[in-house]
Amino acid sequence: MSGRVFADISMSLDGFIAGLNDSVDRLHQWIYDLASWRRAHGLPAGHTGPDDDLMDEAFERAGAVVMGRRMFDLALEPWGDEPPFHKPVFVLTHEAREPLVKGETTFTFVAEGIEKALEQASAAAGEKDVSIAGGAQVIQEALKAGRLDEIQVHVVAVLIGAGIQLFENLGTGPTELECTRVVESPGVVHLRFDVVK
């Protein structure tokens, strides 16, 4: 692959990326007023600063995106006619279907597993990186397959207590990580790790 494969996701301090009933609003509150997020969603200008710089970096470095079918199904309606990606998105699914074009984003459905999804995303990304935008299962599969190079976790200062855990099904062996960046903000700490291979 030309670029790196990275996961970028918000998580509660107790390890959840979504609460009960797939609720994510509390985990994403820190992002909603950022200029980069608002720009990607076609909204008026927002706040700048270290949090915004991190999100802008993640948006800019990704040439393609991989996500799970669950995230696609839950977010397609809220995204509307112009999803925030503006680049190819590969949806890992069990049922193949024709690509879906919405605005500048084409969703391609990949039923052949994580390796095939990452192969297609890498080809579409060219020299840029591939972002795994969401879905604990997709991140876990990429990690177990040895295809994840980097994890950026935005640890939100909240304990959710129940929901979907990010690192629940990784198997029995340890996965070594090297911390490469820590950025502190009120209410959220951004941690970036390289996966040691």
C-alpha atoms as a PDB file:
ATOM      1  CA  MET A   1       0.000   0.000   0.000  1.00  0.00           C
ATOM      2  CA  SER A   2       1.205   3.490  -0.778  1.00  0.00           C
ATOM      3  CA  GLY A   3       0.049   5.276   2.359  1.00  0.00           C
ATOM      4  CA  ARG A   4      -0.762   4.300   5.907  1.00  0.00           C
ATOM      5  CA  VAL A   5      -3.978   2.838   7.286  1.00  0.00           C
ATOM      6  CA  PHE A   6      -5.196   4.764  10.306  1.00  0.00           C
ATOM      7  CA  ALA A   7      -8.221   4.664  12.592  1.00  0.00           C
ATOM      8  CA  ASP A   8      -9.546   7.908  14.029  1.00  0.00           C
ATOM      9  CA  ILE A   9     -12.334   7.636  16.592  1.00  0.00           C
ATOM     10  CA  SER A  10     -13.844   9.165  19.736  1.00  0.00           C
ATOM     11  CA  MET A  11     -14.055   6.989  22.827  1.00  0.00           C
ATOM     12  CA  SER A  12     -15.246   7.378  26.409  1.00  0.00           C
ATOM     13  CA  LEU A  13     -12.719   6.970  29.204  1.00  0.00           C
ATOM     14  CA  ASP A  14     -14.207   3.544  29.935  1.00  0.00           C
ATOM     15  CA  GLY A  15     -13.630   2.366  26.365  1.00  0.00           C
ATOM     16  CA  PHE A  16     -16.951   2.821  24.536  1.00  0.00           C
ATOM     17  CA  ILE A  17     -17.318   4.342  21.052  1.00  0.00           C
ATOM     18  CA  ALA A  18     -21.116   4.352  21.249  1.00  0.00           C
ATOM     19  CA  GLY A  19     -23.578   4.118  24.082  1.00  0.00           C
ATOM     20  CA  LEU A  20     -26.763   2.116  24.283  1.00  0.00           C
ATOM     21  CA  ASN A  21     -28.925   2.333  21.145  1.00  0.00           C
ATOM     22  CA  ASP A  22     -25.832   3.441  19.181  1.00  0.00           C
ATOM     23  CA  SER A  23     -25.886   6.909  20.758  1.00  0.00           C
ATOM     24  CA  VAL A  24     -22.748   8.928  19.948  1.00  0.00           C
ATOM     25  CA  ASP A  25     -23.757  12.554  20.533  1.00  0.00           C
ATOM     26  CA  ARG A  26     -22.020  12.871  23.924  1.00  0.00           C
ATOM     27  CA  LEU A  27     -18.810  11.411  22.471  1.00  0.00           C
ATOM     28  CA  HIS A  28     -18.845  13.796  19.514  1.00  0.00           C
ATOM     29  CA  GLN A  29     -19.821  17.047  21.255  1.00  0.00           C
ATOM     30  CA  TRP A  30     -16.208  18.250  21.135  1.00  0.00           C
ATOM     31  CA  ILE A  31     -16.198  18.111  17.321  1.00  0.00           C
ATOM     32  CA  TYR A  32     -19.515  19.703  16.319  1.00  0.00           C
ATOM     33  CA  ASP A  33     -18.325  23.334  16.537  1.00  0.00           C
ATOM     34  CA  LEU A  34     -14.923  22.801  14.891  1.00  0.00           C
ATOM     35  CA  ALA A  35     -14.296  24.683  11.646  1.00  0.00           C
ATOM     36  CA  SER A  36     -13.002  21.556   9.856  1.00  0.00           C
ATOM     37  CA  TRP A  37     -16.042  19.464  10.796  1.00  0.00           C
ATOM     38  CA  ARG A  38     -18.486  22.236   9.915  1.00  0.00           C
ATOM     39  CA  ARG A  39     -16.738  22.843   6.579  1.00  0.00           C
ATOM     40  CA  ALA A  40     -16.963  19.125   5.700  1.00  0.00           C
ATOM     41  CA  HIS A  41     -20.709  19.243   6.448  1.00  0.00           C
ATOM     42  CA  GLY A  42     -21.307  22.449   4.453  1.00  0.00           C
ATOM     43  CA  LEU A  43     -21.981  24.562   7.555  1.00  0.00           C
ATOM     44  CA  PRO A  44     -20.795  28.088   8.430  1.00  0.00           C
ATOM     45  CA  ALA A  45     -17.393  28.609  10.042  1.00  0.00           C
ATOM     46  CA  GLY A  46     -16.653  27.208  13.481  1.00  0.00           C
ATOM     47  CA  HIS A  47     -13.881  27.271  16.073  1.00  0.00           C
ATOM     48  CA  THR A  48     -10.213  26.797  15.280  1.00  0.00           C
ATOM     49  CA  GLY A  49      -7.371  25.674  17.531  1.00  0.00           C
ATOM     50  CA  PRO A  50      -5.600  22.410  18.408  1.00  0.00           C
ATOM     51  CA  ASP A  51      -8.735  20.227  18.176  1.00  0.00           C
ATOM     52  CA  ASP A  52      -9.589  21.681  14.784  1.00  0.00           C
ATOM     53  CA  ASP A  53      -5.997  21.248  13.561  1.00  0.00           C
ATOM     54  CA  LEU A  54      -6.171  17.518  14.406  1.00  0.00           C
ATOM     55  CA  MET A  55      -9.458  17.007  12.601  1.00  0.00           C
ATOM     56  CA  ASP A  56      -8.327  19.021   9.595  1.00  0.00           C
ATOM     57  CA  GLU A  57      -5.191  16.868   9.425  1.00  0.00           C
ATOM     58  CA  ALA A  58      -7.277  13.659   9.490  1.00  0.00           C
ATOM     59  CA  PHE A  59      -9.603  14.920   6.746  1.00  0.00           C
ATOM     60  CA  GLU A  60      -6.730  16.075   4.534  1.00  0.00           C
ATOM     61  CA  ARG A  61      -4.465  13.035   4.806  1.00  0.00           C
ATOM     62  CA  ALA A  62      -7.181  10.520   3.903  1.00  0.00           C
ATOM     63  CA  GLY A  63      -7.551   9.688   0.235  1.00  0.00           C
ATOM     64  CA  ALA A  64     -10.198   7.034   0.901  1.00  0.00           C
ATOM     65  CA  VAL A  65     -12.296   5.794   3.804  1.00  0.00           C
ATOM     66  CA  VAL A  66     -13.308   2.338   5.068  1.00  0.00           C
ATOM     67  CA  MET A  67     -16.285   1.900   7.366  1.00  0.00           C
ATOM     68  CA  GLY A  68     -18.648  -0.803   8.557  1.00  0.00           C
ATOM     69  CA  ARG A  69     -22.173  -1.359   7.305  1.00  0.00           C
ATOM     70  CA  ARG A  70     -23.617  -0.485  10.712  1.00  0.00           C
ATOM     71  CA  MET A  71     -22.099   3.001  10.635  1.00  0.00           C
ATOM     72  CA  PHE A  72     -23.268   3.460   7.041  1.00  0.00           C
ATOM     73  CA  ASP A  73     -26.834   2.420   7.867  1.00  0.00           C
ATOM     74  CA  LEU A  74     -27.056   4.622  10.968  1.00  0.00           C
ATOM     75  CA  ALA A  75     -25.490   7.735   9.446  1.00  0.00           C
ATOM     76  CA  LEU A  76     -26.684   7.778   5.835  1.00  0.00           C
ATOM     77  CA  GLU A  77     -29.892   9.678   6.560  1.00  0.00           C
ATOM     78  CA  PRO A  78     -28.275  12.289   8.863  1.00  0.00           C
ATOM     79  CA  TRP A  79     -25.519  12.865   6.262  1.00  0.00           C
ATOM     80  CA  GLY A  80     -28.160  13.830   3.700  1.00  0.00           C
ATOM     81  CA  ASP A  81     -27.432  14.430   0.020  1.00  0.00           C
ATOM     82  CA  GLU A  82     -23.844  15.574   0.610  1.00  0.00           C
ATOM     83  CA  PRO A  83     -21.989  13.251   3.030  1.00  0.00           C
ATOM     84  CA  PRO A  84     -18.924  14.823   4.674  1.00  0.00           C
ATOM     85  CA  PHE A  85     -16.290  12.599   3.031  1.00  0.00           C
ATOM     86  CA  HIS A  86     -15.895  14.050  -0.490  1.00  0.00           C
ATOM     87  CA  LYS A  87     -13.772  11.007  -1.410  1.00  0.00           C
ATOM     88  CA  PRO A  88     -14.314   7.276  -2.055  1.00  0.00           C
ATOM     89  CA  VAL A  89     -15.799   5.299   0.844  1.00  0.00           C
ATOM     90  CA  PHE A  90     -15.638   1.508   1.036  1.00  0.00           C
ATOM     91  CA  VAL A  91     -18.333  -0.090   3.193  1.00  0.00           C
ATOM     92  CA  LEU A  92     -17.507  -3.501   4.629  1.00  0.00           C
ATOM     93  CA  THR A  93     -20.673  -5.597   4.402  1.00  0.00           C
ATOM     94  CA  HIS A  94     -21.969  -9.150   4.091  1.00  0.00           C
ATOM     95  CA  GLU A  95     -24.223  -8.345   1.127  1.00  0.00           C
ATOM     96  CA  ALA A  96     -22.836  -6.927  -2.110  1.00  0.00           C
ATOM     97  CA  ARG A  97     -24.793  -4.165  -3.832  1.00  0.00           C
ATOM     98  CA  GLU A  98     -24.258  -1.535  -6.484  1.00  0.00           C
ATOM     99  CA  PRO A  99     -22.231   1.569  -5.536  1.00  0.00           C
ATOM    100  CA  LEU A 100     -24.159   4.534  -4.193  1.00  0.00           C
ATOM    101  CA  VAL A 101     -23.216   8.066  -5.258  1.00  0.00           C
ATOM    102  CA  LYS A 102     -24.233  10.945  -3.016  1.00  0.00           C
ATOM    103  CA  GLY A 103     -22.759  14.314  -3.925  1.00  0.00           C
ATOM    104  CA  GLU A 104     -18.965  14.016  -4.133  1.00  0.00           C
ATOM    105  CA  THR A 105     -18.923  10.707  -2.236  1.00  0.00           C
ATOM    106  CA  THR A 106     -19.174   7.265  -3.814  1.00  0.00           C
ATOM    107  CA  PHE A 107     -19.951   4.392  -1.437  1.00  0.00           C
ATOM    108  CA  THR A 108     -18.633   1.038  -2.698  1.00  0.00           C
ATOM    109  CA  PHE A 109     -19.851  -2.050  -0.865  1.00  0.00           C
ATOM    110  CA  VAL A 110     -17.238  -4.755  -0.267  1.00  0.00           C
ATOM    111  CA  ALA A 111     -18.422  -8.220   0.764  1.00  0.00           C
ATOM    112  CA  GLU A 112     -15.048  -9.989   0.448  1.00  0.00           C
ATOM    113  CA  GLY A 113     -13.624  -8.952   3.841  1.00  0.00           C
ATOM    114  CA  ILE A 114     -11.282  -6.390   5.356  1.00  0.00           C
ATOM    115  CA  GLU A 115      -8.284  -7.230   3.149  1.00  0.00           C
ATOM    116  CA  LYS A 116     -10.260  -6.577  -0.055  1.00  0.00           C
ATOM    117  CA  ALA A 117     -11.776  -3.385   1.357  1.00  0.00           C
ATOM    118  CA  LEU A 118      -8.330  -2.058   2.298  1.00  0.00           C
ATOM    119  CA  GLU A 119      -6.885  -3.088  -1.069  1.00  0.00           C
ATOM    120  CA  GLN A 120      -9.594  -1.175  -2.939  1.00  0.00           C
ATOM    121  CA  ALA A 121      -9.351   1.819  -0.607  1.00  0.00           C
ATOM    122  CA  SER A 122      -5.567   1.935  -0.988  1.00  0.00           C
ATOM    123  CA  ALA A 123      -5.851   1.914  -4.778  1.00  0.00           C
ATOM    124  CA  ALA A 124      -8.385   4.755  -4.635  1.00  0.00           C
ATOM    125  CA  ALA A 125      -6.297   6.760  -2.133  1.00  0.00           C
ATOM    126  CA  GLY A 126      -3.194   6.799  -4.318  1.00  0.00           C
ATOM    127  CA  GLU A 127      -0.353   8.384  -2.352  1.00  0.00           C
ATOM    128  CA  LYS A 128      -2.662   9.429   0.483  1.00  0.00           C
ATOM    129  CA  ASP A 129      -3.620   7.407   3.552  1.00  0.00           C
ATOM    130  CA  VAL A 130      -6.657   5.221   4.169  1.00  0.00           C
ATOM    131  CA  SER A 131      -8.887   6.192   7.078  1.00  0.00           C
ATOM    132  CA  ILE A 132     -10.991   3.693   8.982  1.00  0.00           C
ATOM    133  CA  ALA A 133     -13.697   6.124   9.989  1.00  0.00           C
ATOM    134  CA  GLY A 134     -15.738   4.079  12.321  1.00  0.00           C
ATOM    135  CA  GLY A 135     -16.978   0.791  13.508  1.00  0.00           C
ATOM    136  CA  ALA A 136     -15.288  -1.079  16.319  1.00  0.00           C
ATOM    137  CA  GLN A 137     -15.534  -4.339  14.408  1.00  0.00           C
ATOM    138  CA  VAL A 138     -13.815  -2.904  11.321  1.00  0.00           C
ATOM    139  CA  ILE A 139     -10.989  -1.450  13.419  1.00  0.00           C
ATOM    140  CA  GLN A 140     -10.612  -4.764  15.274  1.00  0.00           C
ATOM    141  CA  GLU A 141     -10.519  -6.717  11.980  1.00  0.00           C
ATOM    142  CA  ALA A 142      -7.859  -4.415  10.516  1.00  0.00           C
ATOM    143  CA  LEU A 143      -5.802  -4.691  13.690  1.00  0.00           C
ATOM    144  CA  LYS A 144      -6.057  -8.497  13.817  1.00  0.00           C
ATOM    145  CA  ALA A 145      -5.141  -8.718  10.111  1.00  0.00           C
ATOM    146  CA  GLY A 146      -1.985  -6.674  10.770  1.00  0.00           C
ATOM    147  CA  ARG A 147      -3.179  -3.935   8.393  1.00  0.00           C
ATOM    148  CA  LEU A 148      -3.666  -1.066  10.857  1.00  0.00           C
ATOM    149  CA  ASP A 149      -0.647   1.243  11.107  1.00  0.00           C
ATOM    150  CA  GLU A 150      -1.958   3.931  13.437  1.00  0.00           C
ATOM    151  CA  ILE A 151      -4.754   4.569  15.923  1.00  0.00           C
ATOM    152  CA  GLN A 152      -5.856   8.038  16.969  1.00  0.00           C
ATOM    153  CA  VAL A 153      -8.288   7.944  19.877  1.00  0.00           C
ATOM    154  CA  HIS A 154     -10.047  11.053  21.134  1.00  0.00           C
ATOM    155  CA  VAL A 155     -10.668  10.141  24.793  1.00  0.00           C
ATOM    156  CA  VAL A 156     -13.705  12.086  25.982  1.00  0.00           C
ATOM    157  CA  ALA A 157     -14.006  12.913  29.681  1.00  0.00           C
ATOM    158  CA  VAL A 158     -17.099  10.823  30.302  1.00  0.00           C
ATOM    159  CA  LEU A 159     -17.897   7.320  31.532  1.00  0.00           C
ATOM    160  CA  ILE A 160     -20.619   5.800  29.328  1.00  0.00           C
ATOM    161  CA  GLY A 161     -21.008   2.537  31.266  1.00  0.00           C
ATOM    162  CA  ALA A 162     -22.456   0.423  28.445  1.00  0.00           C
ATOM    163  CA  GLY A 163     -22.528   0.212  24.679  1.00  0.00           C
ATOM    164  CA  ILE A 164     -19.998  -0.735  22.013  1.00  0.00           C
ATOM    165  CA  GLN A 165     -16.414  -1.181  23.186  1.00  0.00           C
ATOM    166  CA  LEU A 166     -13.571  -0.304  20.841  1.00  0.00           C
ATOM    167  CA  PHE A 167     -11.138  -3.054  21.807  1.00  0.00           C
ATOM    168  CA  GLU A 168     -13.447  -5.874  22.878  1.00  0.00           C
ATOM    169  CA  ASN A 169     -12.566  -8.676  20.415  1.00  0.00           C
ATOM    170  CA  LEU A 170      -8.835  -8.574  19.745  1.00  0.00           C
ATOM    171  CA  GLY A 171      -7.942 -12.156  20.618  1.00  0.00           C
ATOM    172  CA  THR A 172      -5.533 -13.369  23.256  1.00  0.00           C
ATOM    173  CA  GLY A 173      -2.132 -11.920  22.338  1.00  0.00           C
ATOM    174  CA  PRO A 174      -0.957  -8.412  23.225  1.00  0.00           C
ATOM    175  CA  THR A 175      -0.788  -5.710  20.573  1.00  0.00           C
ATOM    176  CA  GLU A 176       2.138  -3.367  21.166  1.00  0.00           C
ATOM    177  CA  LEU A 177       1.616   0.349  20.544  1.00  0.00           C
ATOM    178  CA  GLU A 178       3.968   3.311  20.545  1.00  0.00           C
ATOM    179  CA  CYS A 179       2.524   6.660  21.634  1.00  0.00           C
ATOM    180  CA  THR A 180       3.522   9.294  19.070  1.00  0.00           C
ATOM    181  CA  ARG A 181       1.403  12.279  20.131  1.00  0.00           C
ATOM    182  CA  VAL A 182      -0.686  13.560  23.028  1.00  0.00           C
ATOM    183  CA  VAL A 183      -2.792  16.724  22.701  1.00  0.00           C
ATOM    184  CA  GLU A 184      -4.829  17.866  25.704  1.00  0.00           C
ATOM    185  CA  SER A 185      -7.976  19.955  25.436  1.00  0.00           C
ATOM    186  CA  PRO A 186     -10.805  20.681  27.857  1.00  0.00           C
ATOM    187  CA  GLY A 187     -13.073  17.648  27.862  1.00  0.00           C
ATOM    188  CA  VAL A 188     -11.016  15.518  25.439  1.00  0.00           C
ATOM    189  CA  VAL A 189      -7.468  14.157  25.186  1.00  0.00           C
ATOM    190  CA  HIS A 190      -6.184  13.150  21.747  1.00  0.00           C
ATOM    191  CA  LEU A 191      -3.851  10.126  21.756  1.00  0.00           C
ATOM    192  CA  ARG A 192      -2.074   8.870  18.657  1.00  0.00           C
ATOM    193  CA  PHE A 193      -0.333   5.503  18.568  1.00  0.00           C
ATOM    194  CA  ASP A 194       1.653   3.619  15.956  1.00  0.00           C
ATOM    195  CA  VAL A 195       0.955  -0.102  15.895  1.00  0.00           C
ATOM    196  CA  VAL A 196       4.272  -1.913  16.451  1.00  0.00           C
ATOM    197  CA  LYS A 197       4.661  -4.633  13.820  1.00  0.00           C
END
